C-alpha atoms as a PDB file:
ATOM      1  CA  UNK A   1     166.151 124.803 131.564  1.00  0.00           C
ATOM      2  CA  UNK A   2     164.928 125.961 128.110  1.00  0.00           C
ATOM      3  CA  UNK A   3     167.122 128.089 125.925  1.00  0.00           C
ATOM      4  CA  UNK A   4     164.746 131.054 126.031  1.00  0.00           C
ATOM      5  CA  UNK A   5     165.011 131.048 129.811  1.00  0.00           C
ATOM      6  CA  UNK A   6     168.630 130.694 130.162  1.00  0.00           C
ATOM      7  CA  UNK A   7     168.983 133.498 127.572  1.00  0.00           C
ATOM      8  CA  UNK A   8     166.995 135.973 129.715  1.00  0.00           C
ATOM      9  CA  UNK A   9     169.164 135.160 132.916  1.00  0.00           C
ATOM     10  CA  UNK A  10     171.955 135.746 130.941  1.00  0.00           C
ATOM     11  CA  UNK A  11     170.906 139.131 129.381  1.00  0.00           C
ATOM     12  CA  UNK A  12     169.412 140.093 132.934  1.00  0.00           C
ATOM     13  CA  UNK A  13     173.098 139.459 134.659  1.00  0.00           C
ATOM     14  CA  UNK A  14     174.604 141.598 131.650  1.00  0.00           C
ATOM     15  CA  UNK A  15     172.152 144.180 132.345  1.00  0.00           C
ATOM     16  CA  UNK A  16     172.255 144.339 135.893  1.00  0.00           C
ATOM     17  CA  UNK A  17     176.053 145.211 135.936  1.00  0.00           C
ATOM     18  CA  UNK A  18     174.842 148.494 134.035  1.00  0.00           C
ATOM     19  CA  UNK A  19     173.200 149.718 137.028  1.00  0.00           C
ATOM     20  CA  UNK A  20     176.365 150.069 138.914  1.00  0.00           C
ATOM     21  CA  UNK A  21     177.982 151.360 136.100  1.00  0.00           C
ATOM     22  CA  UNK A  22     176.017 154.258 135.928  1.00  0.00           C
ATOM     23  CA  UNK A  23     175.073 154.684 139.637  1.00  0.00           C
ATOM     24  CA  UNK A  24     177.564 157.323 140.210  1.00  0.00           C
ATOM     25  CA  UNK A  25     175.870 160.007 138.238  1.00  0.00           C
ATOM     26  CA  UNK A  26     172.186 159.137 138.972  1.00  0.00           C
ATOM     27  CA  UNK A  27     169.295 159.774 141.424  1.00  0.00           C
ATOM     28  CA  UNK A  28     169.974 157.304 144.475  1.00  0.00           C
ATOM     29  CA  UNK A  29     166.523 155.577 143.782  1.00  0.00           C
ATOM     30  CA  UNK A  30     167.954 154.543 140.096  1.00  0.00           C
ATOM     31  CA  UNK A  31     170.131 151.965 141.322  1.00  0.00           C
ATOM     32  CA  UNK A  32     166.990 150.175 142.874  1.00  0.00           C
ATOM     33  CA  UNK A  33     165.016 150.242 139.552  1.00  0.00           C
ATOM     34  CA  UNK A  34     164.654 147.269 137.158  1.00  0.00           C
ATOM     35  CA  UNK A  35     166.577 147.815 134.162  1.00  0.00           C
ATOM     36  CA  UNK A  36     164.947 147.251 130.632  1.00  0.00           C
ATOM     37  CA  UNK A  37     166.556 146.289 127.591  1.00  0.00           C
ATOM     38  CA  UNK A  38     164.653 146.307 124.252  1.00  0.00           C
ATOM     39  CA  UNK A  39     166.446 145.638 121.046  1.00  0.00           C
ATOM     40  CA  UNK A  40     166.233 143.635 117.727  1.00  0.00           C
ATOM     41  CA  UNK A  41     169.229 141.421 118.564  1.00  0.00           C
ATOM     42  CA  UNK A  42     171.252 140.191 121.532  1.00  0.00           C
ATOM     43  CA  UNK A  43     174.721 138.325 121.252  1.00  0.00           C
ATOM     44  CA  UNK A  44     176.462 136.777 124.276  1.00  0.00           C
ATOM     45  CA  UNK A  45     179.868 135.489 124.020  1.00  0.00           C
ATOM     46  CA  UNK A  46     180.699 134.112 127.676  1.00  0.00           C
ATOM     47  CA  UNK A  47     184.323 133.199 126.935  1.00  0.00           C
ATOM     48  CA  UNK A  48     184.905 136.651 125.831  1.00  0.00           C
ATOM     49  CA  UNK A  49     182.785 138.651 128.762  1.00  0.00           C
ATOM     50  CA  UNK A  50     181.274 140.432 125.772  1.00  0.00           C
ATOM     51  CA  UNK A  51     177.576 140.942 125.180  1.00  0.00           C
ATOM     52  CA  UNK A  52     176.285 142.747 122.072  1.00  0.00           C
ATOM     53  CA  UNK A  53     172.835 144.492 121.579  1.00  0.00           C
ATOM     54  CA  UNK A  54     171.870 145.244 118.168  1.00  0.00           C
ATOM     55  CA  UNK A  55     169.181 147.216 116.320  1.00  0.00           C
ATOM     56  CA  UNK A  56     167.283 150.314 118.009  1.00  0.00           C
ATOM     57  CA  UNK A  57     168.462 149.271 121.071  1.00  0.00           C
ATOM     58  CA  UNK A  58     166.879 150.884 124.092  1.00  0.00           C
ATOM     59  CA  UNK A  59     167.952 150.582 127.800  1.00  0.00           C
ATOM     60  CA  UNK A  60     166.200 152.157 130.949  1.00  0.00           C
ATOM     61  CA  UNK A  61     167.006 152.048 134.208  1.00  0.00           C
ATOM     62  CA  UNK A  62     164.940 154.678 136.488  1.00  0.00           C
ATOM     63  CA  UNK A  63     165.921 158.268 135.005  1.00  0.00           C
ATOM     64  CA  UNK A  64     168.751 156.710 132.976  1.00  0.00           C
ATOM     65  CA  UNK A  65     168.211 155.973 129.476  1.00  0.00           C
ATOM     66  CA  UNK A  66     170.549 154.817 126.530  1.00  0.00           C
ATOM     67  CA  UNK A  67     169.600 154.838 123.099  1.00  0.00           C
ATOM     68  CA  UNK A  68     171.789 153.638 120.264  1.00  0.00           C
ATOM     69  CA  UNK A  69     172.030 151.535 117.106  1.00  0.00           C
ATOM     70  CA  UNK A  70     174.426 149.107 119.008  1.00  0.00           C
ATOM     71  CA  UNK A  71     175.398 148.593 122.575  1.00  0.00           C
ATOM     72  CA  UNK A  72     178.557 146.738 123.757  1.00  0.00           C
ATOM     73  CA  UNK A  73     179.274 145.762 126.910  1.00  0.00           C
ATOM     74  CA  UNK A  74     182.644 144.491 128.051  1.00  0.00           C
ATOM     75  CA  UNK A  75     182.812 142.388 131.296  1.00  0.00           C
ATOM     76  CA  UNK A  76     185.881 141.339 133.136  1.00  0.00           C
ATOM     77  CA  UNK A  77     186.309 139.280 136.274  1.00  0.00           C
ATOM     78  CA  UNK A  78     182.519 138.848 136.376  1.00  0.00           C
ATOM     79  CA  UNK A  79     182.012 142.825 136.438  1.00  0.00           C
ATOM     80  CA  UNK A  80     181.094 145.092 133.544  1.00  0.00           C
ATOM     81  CA  UNK A  81     184.569 147.029 132.629  1.00  0.00           C
ATOM     82  CA  UNK A  82     183.662 148.931 129.812  1.00  0.00           C
ATOM     83  CA  UNK A  83     180.185 149.967 127.625  1.00  0.00           C
ATOM     84  CA  UNK A  84     179.987 151.330 123.975  1.00  0.00           C
ATOM     85  CA  UNK A  85     177.052 152.770 122.392  1.00  0.00           C
ATOM     86  CA  UNK A  86     176.694 153.388 118.656  1.00  0.00           C
ATOM     87  CA  UNK A  87     175.045 155.147 115.959  1.00  0.00           C
ATOM     88  CA  UNK A  88     174.750 154.533 112.467  1.00  0.00           C
ATOM     89  CA  UNK A  89     171.672 155.839 111.466  1.00  0.00           C
ATOM     90  CA  UNK A  90     171.654 158.620 114.244  1.00  0.00           C
ATOM     91  CA  UNK A  91     173.656 159.233 116.998  1.00  0.00           C
ATOM     92  CA  UNK A  92     174.144 157.083 120.302  1.00  0.00           C
ATOM     93  CA  UNK A  93     172.305 159.036 123.103  1.00  0.00           C
ATOM     94  CA  UNK A  94     172.516 158.882 127.038  1.00  0.00           C
ATOM     95  CA  UNK A  95     170.594 160.887 129.610  1.00  0.00           C
ATOM     96  CA  UNK A  96     170.078 160.743 132.955  1.00  0.00           C
ATOM     97  CA  UNK A  97     169.028 163.016 136.033  1.00  0.00           C
ATOM     98  CA  UNK A  98     172.303 163.500 138.399  1.00  0.00           C
ATOM     99  CA  UNK A  99     169.840 164.273 141.642  1.00  0.00           C
ATOM    100  CA  UNK A 100     166.119 165.581 142.059  1.00  0.00           C
ATOM    101  CA  UNK A 101     167.449 169.370 142.122  1.00  0.00           C
ATOM    102  CA  UNK A 102     169.252 169.297 138.353  1.00  0.00           C
ATOM    103  CA  UNK A 103     167.939 169.016 135.060  1.00  0.00           C
ATOM    104  CA  UNK A 104     168.859 165.816 132.936  1.00  0.00           C
ATOM    105  CA  UNK A 105     172.129 165.460 131.783  1.00  0.00           C
ATOM    106  CA  UNK A 106     171.874 164.672 128.071  1.00  0.00           C
ATOM    107  CA  UNK A 107     175.047 163.210 125.989  1.00  0.00           C
ATOM    108  CA  UNK A 108     175.145 162.232 122.331  1.00  0.00           C
ATOM    109  CA  UNK A 109     177.590 161.261 119.913  1.00  0.00           C
ATOM    110  CA  UNK A 110     178.469 159.259 117.275  1.00  0.00           C
ATOM    111  CA  UNK A 111     180.064 156.917 119.749  1.00  0.00           C
ATOM    112  CA  UNK A 112     179.769 156.945 123.315  1.00  0.00           C
ATOM    113  CA  UNK A 113     182.100 154.975 125.737  1.00  0.00           C
ATOM    114  CA  UNK A 114     181.656 154.656 129.606  1.00  0.00           C
ATOM    115  CA  UNK A 115     185.131 153.398 131.786  1.00  0.00           C
ATOM    116  CA  UNK A 116     183.250 152.082 134.909  1.00  0.00           C
ATOM    117  CA  UNK A 117     186.275 152.338 136.866  1.00  0.00           C
ATOM    118  CA  UNK A 118     187.207 155.538 136.044  1.00  0.00           C
ATOM    119  CA  UNK A 119     183.571 156.709 135.839  1.00  0.00           C
ATOM    120  CA  UNK A 120     184.699 158.503 132.675  1.00  0.00           C
ATOM    121  CA  UNK A 121     181.810 159.136 129.692  1.00  0.00           C
ATOM    122  CA  UNK A 122     183.905 159.605 126.357  1.00  0.00           C
ATOM    123  CA  UNK A 123     181.848 161.227 123.473  1.00  0.00           C
ATOM    124  CA  UNK A 124     183.397 160.680 120.128  1.00  0.00           C
ATOM    125  CA  UNK A 125     182.313 162.431 116.931  1.00  0.00           C
ATOM    126  CA  UNK A 126     180.058 164.892 116.983  1.00  0.00           C
ATOM    127  CA  UNK A 127     180.150 165.358 120.355  1.00  0.00           C
ATOM    128  CA  UNK A 128     177.435 167.070 122.320  1.00  0.00           C
ATOM    129  CA  UNK A 129     176.788 167.855 126.147  1.00  0.00           C
ATOM    130  CA  UNK A 130     174.076 169.389 127.792  1.00  0.00           C
ATOM    131  CA  UNK A 131     174.515 170.100 131.667  1.00  0.00           C
ATOM    132  CA  UNK A 132     172.664 172.520 133.879  1.00  0.00           C
ATOM    133  CA  UNK A 133     171.360 174.676 130.540  1.00  0.00           C
ATOM    134  CA  UNK A 134     174.798 174.815 129.531  1.00  0.00           C
ATOM    135  CA  UNK A 135     175.772 172.997 126.270  1.00  0.00           C
ATOM    136  CA  UNK A 136     179.205 171.693 125.021  1.00  0.00           C
ATOM    137  CA  UNK A 137     179.721 170.783 121.187  1.00  0.00           C
ATOM    138  CA  UNK A 138     182.770 169.420 119.915  1.00  0.00           C
ATOM    139  CA  UNK A 139     184.733 166.551 117.919  1.00  0.00           C
ATOM    140  CA  UNK A 140     185.226 165.000 121.631  1.00  0.00           C
ATOM    141  CA  UNK A 141     184.018 165.531 125.170  1.00  0.00           C
ATOM    142  CA  UNK A 142     185.513 163.852 127.986  1.00  0.00           C
ATOM    143  CA  UNK A 143     183.060 163.677 131.182  1.00  0.00           C
ATOM    144  CA  UNK A 144     184.031 162.901 134.882  1.00  0.00           C
ATOM    145  CA  UNK A 145     181.480 161.755 136.346  1.00  0.00           C
ATOM    146  CA  UNK A 146     182.434 162.054 139.740  1.00  0.00           C
ATOM    147  CA  UNK A 147     183.972 165.828 139.330  1.00  0.00           C
ATOM    148  CA  UNK A 148     181.033 166.693 137.102  1.00  0.00           C
ATOM    149  CA  UNK A 149     183.517 167.895 134.935  1.00  0.00           C
ATOM    150  CA  UNK A 150     184.062 167.777 130.991  1.00  0.00           C
ATOM    151  CA  UNK A 151     187.044 168.465 128.755  1.00  0.00           C
ATOM    152  CA  UNK A 152     185.905 169.288 124.942  1.00  0.00           C
ATOM    153  CA  UNK A 153     188.265 169.325 121.982  1.00  0.00           C
ATOM    154  CA  UNK A 154     187.668 170.365 118.316  1.00  0.00           C
ATOM    155  CA  UNK A 155     188.769 168.196 115.484  1.00  0.00           C
ATOM    156  CA  UNK A 156     192.098 169.315 114.816  1.00  0.00           C
ATOM    157  CA  UNK A 157     194.061 169.057 111.803  1.00  0.00           C
ATOM    158  CA  UNK A 158     192.078 165.841 111.105  1.00  0.00           C
ATOM    159  CA  UNK A 159     190.085 165.436 107.603  1.00  0.00           C
ATOM    160  CA  UNK A 160     188.108 168.282 106.003  1.00  0.00           C
ATOM    161  CA  UNK A 161     186.893 169.867 109.403  1.00  0.00           C
ATOM    162  CA  UNK A 162     190.525 170.803 110.040  1.00  0.00           C
ATOM    163  CA  UNK A 163     190.911 173.545 112.979  1.00  0.00           C
ATOM    164  CA  UNK A 164     187.556 172.807 113.847  1.00  0.00           C
ATOM    165  CA  UNK A 165     186.608 174.320 117.324  1.00  0.00           C
ATOM    166  CA  UNK A 166     184.451 173.733 120.197  1.00  0.00           C
ATOM    167  CA  UNK A 167     181.050 175.630 120.867  1.00  0.00           C
ATOM    168  CA  UNK A 168     179.875 176.369 124.548  1.00  0.00           C
ATOM    169  CA  UNK A 169     176.849 177.972 125.210  1.00  0.00           C
ATOM    170  CA  UNK A 170     176.093 179.269 128.666  1.00  0.00           C
ATOM    171  CA  UNK A 171     172.818 180.393 129.775  1.00  0.00           C
ATOM    172  CA  UNK A 172     172.399 183.955 130.609  1.00  0.00           C
ATOM    173  CA  UNK A 173     170.802 182.936 134.128  1.00  0.00           C
ATOM    174  CA  UNK A 174     174.320 181.145 135.132  1.00  0.00           C
ATOM    175  CA  UNK A 175     176.201 184.175 134.463  1.00  0.00           C
ATOM    176  CA  UNK A 176     175.454 185.762 137.973  1.00  0.00           C
ATOM    177  CA  UNK A 177     175.234 189.161 136.577  1.00  0.00           C
ATOM    178  CA  UNK A 178     173.696 192.043 139.047  1.00  0.00           C
ATOM    179  CA  UNK A 179     171.255 193.842 136.968  1.00  0.00           C
ATOM    180  CA  UNK A 180     171.832 197.719 137.340  1.00  0.00           C
END
């Protein structure tokens, strides 16, 4: 088996774990779709279980898309345990359609971390989440995939953006007002 063929199989195996990682917040058919990874470079370290994709990384599987400058996949016991997407020139972005009746969930941040076992998405630094037409912005947003619930925090007393607050926009159609 030549090196390119072996590398392709390793990349495919590492990528396949991602389908299971994001499956809970996806259209059911997303998990049955192939995973496409496009990057400038890939580094695989089987001894540590870490795969790093670098340079304009684009990962697609069905309605799921990840855009980042770097994506690191951590494996424990031959299963994906954590995925970290980072932006250098721009923000990392994640999007996926949770079901056929809902719009895309779009998440952006300087760093996006997904903890597979906990099904939790952490948006770190300049975090933004769009779900069902509502937006949340803050320093950090933690998104519980199973519960479809987000917790946002401001910068607090760190750095020059001391006491920055979160921003939430709720569309008028979600206010359930009755016209009089």
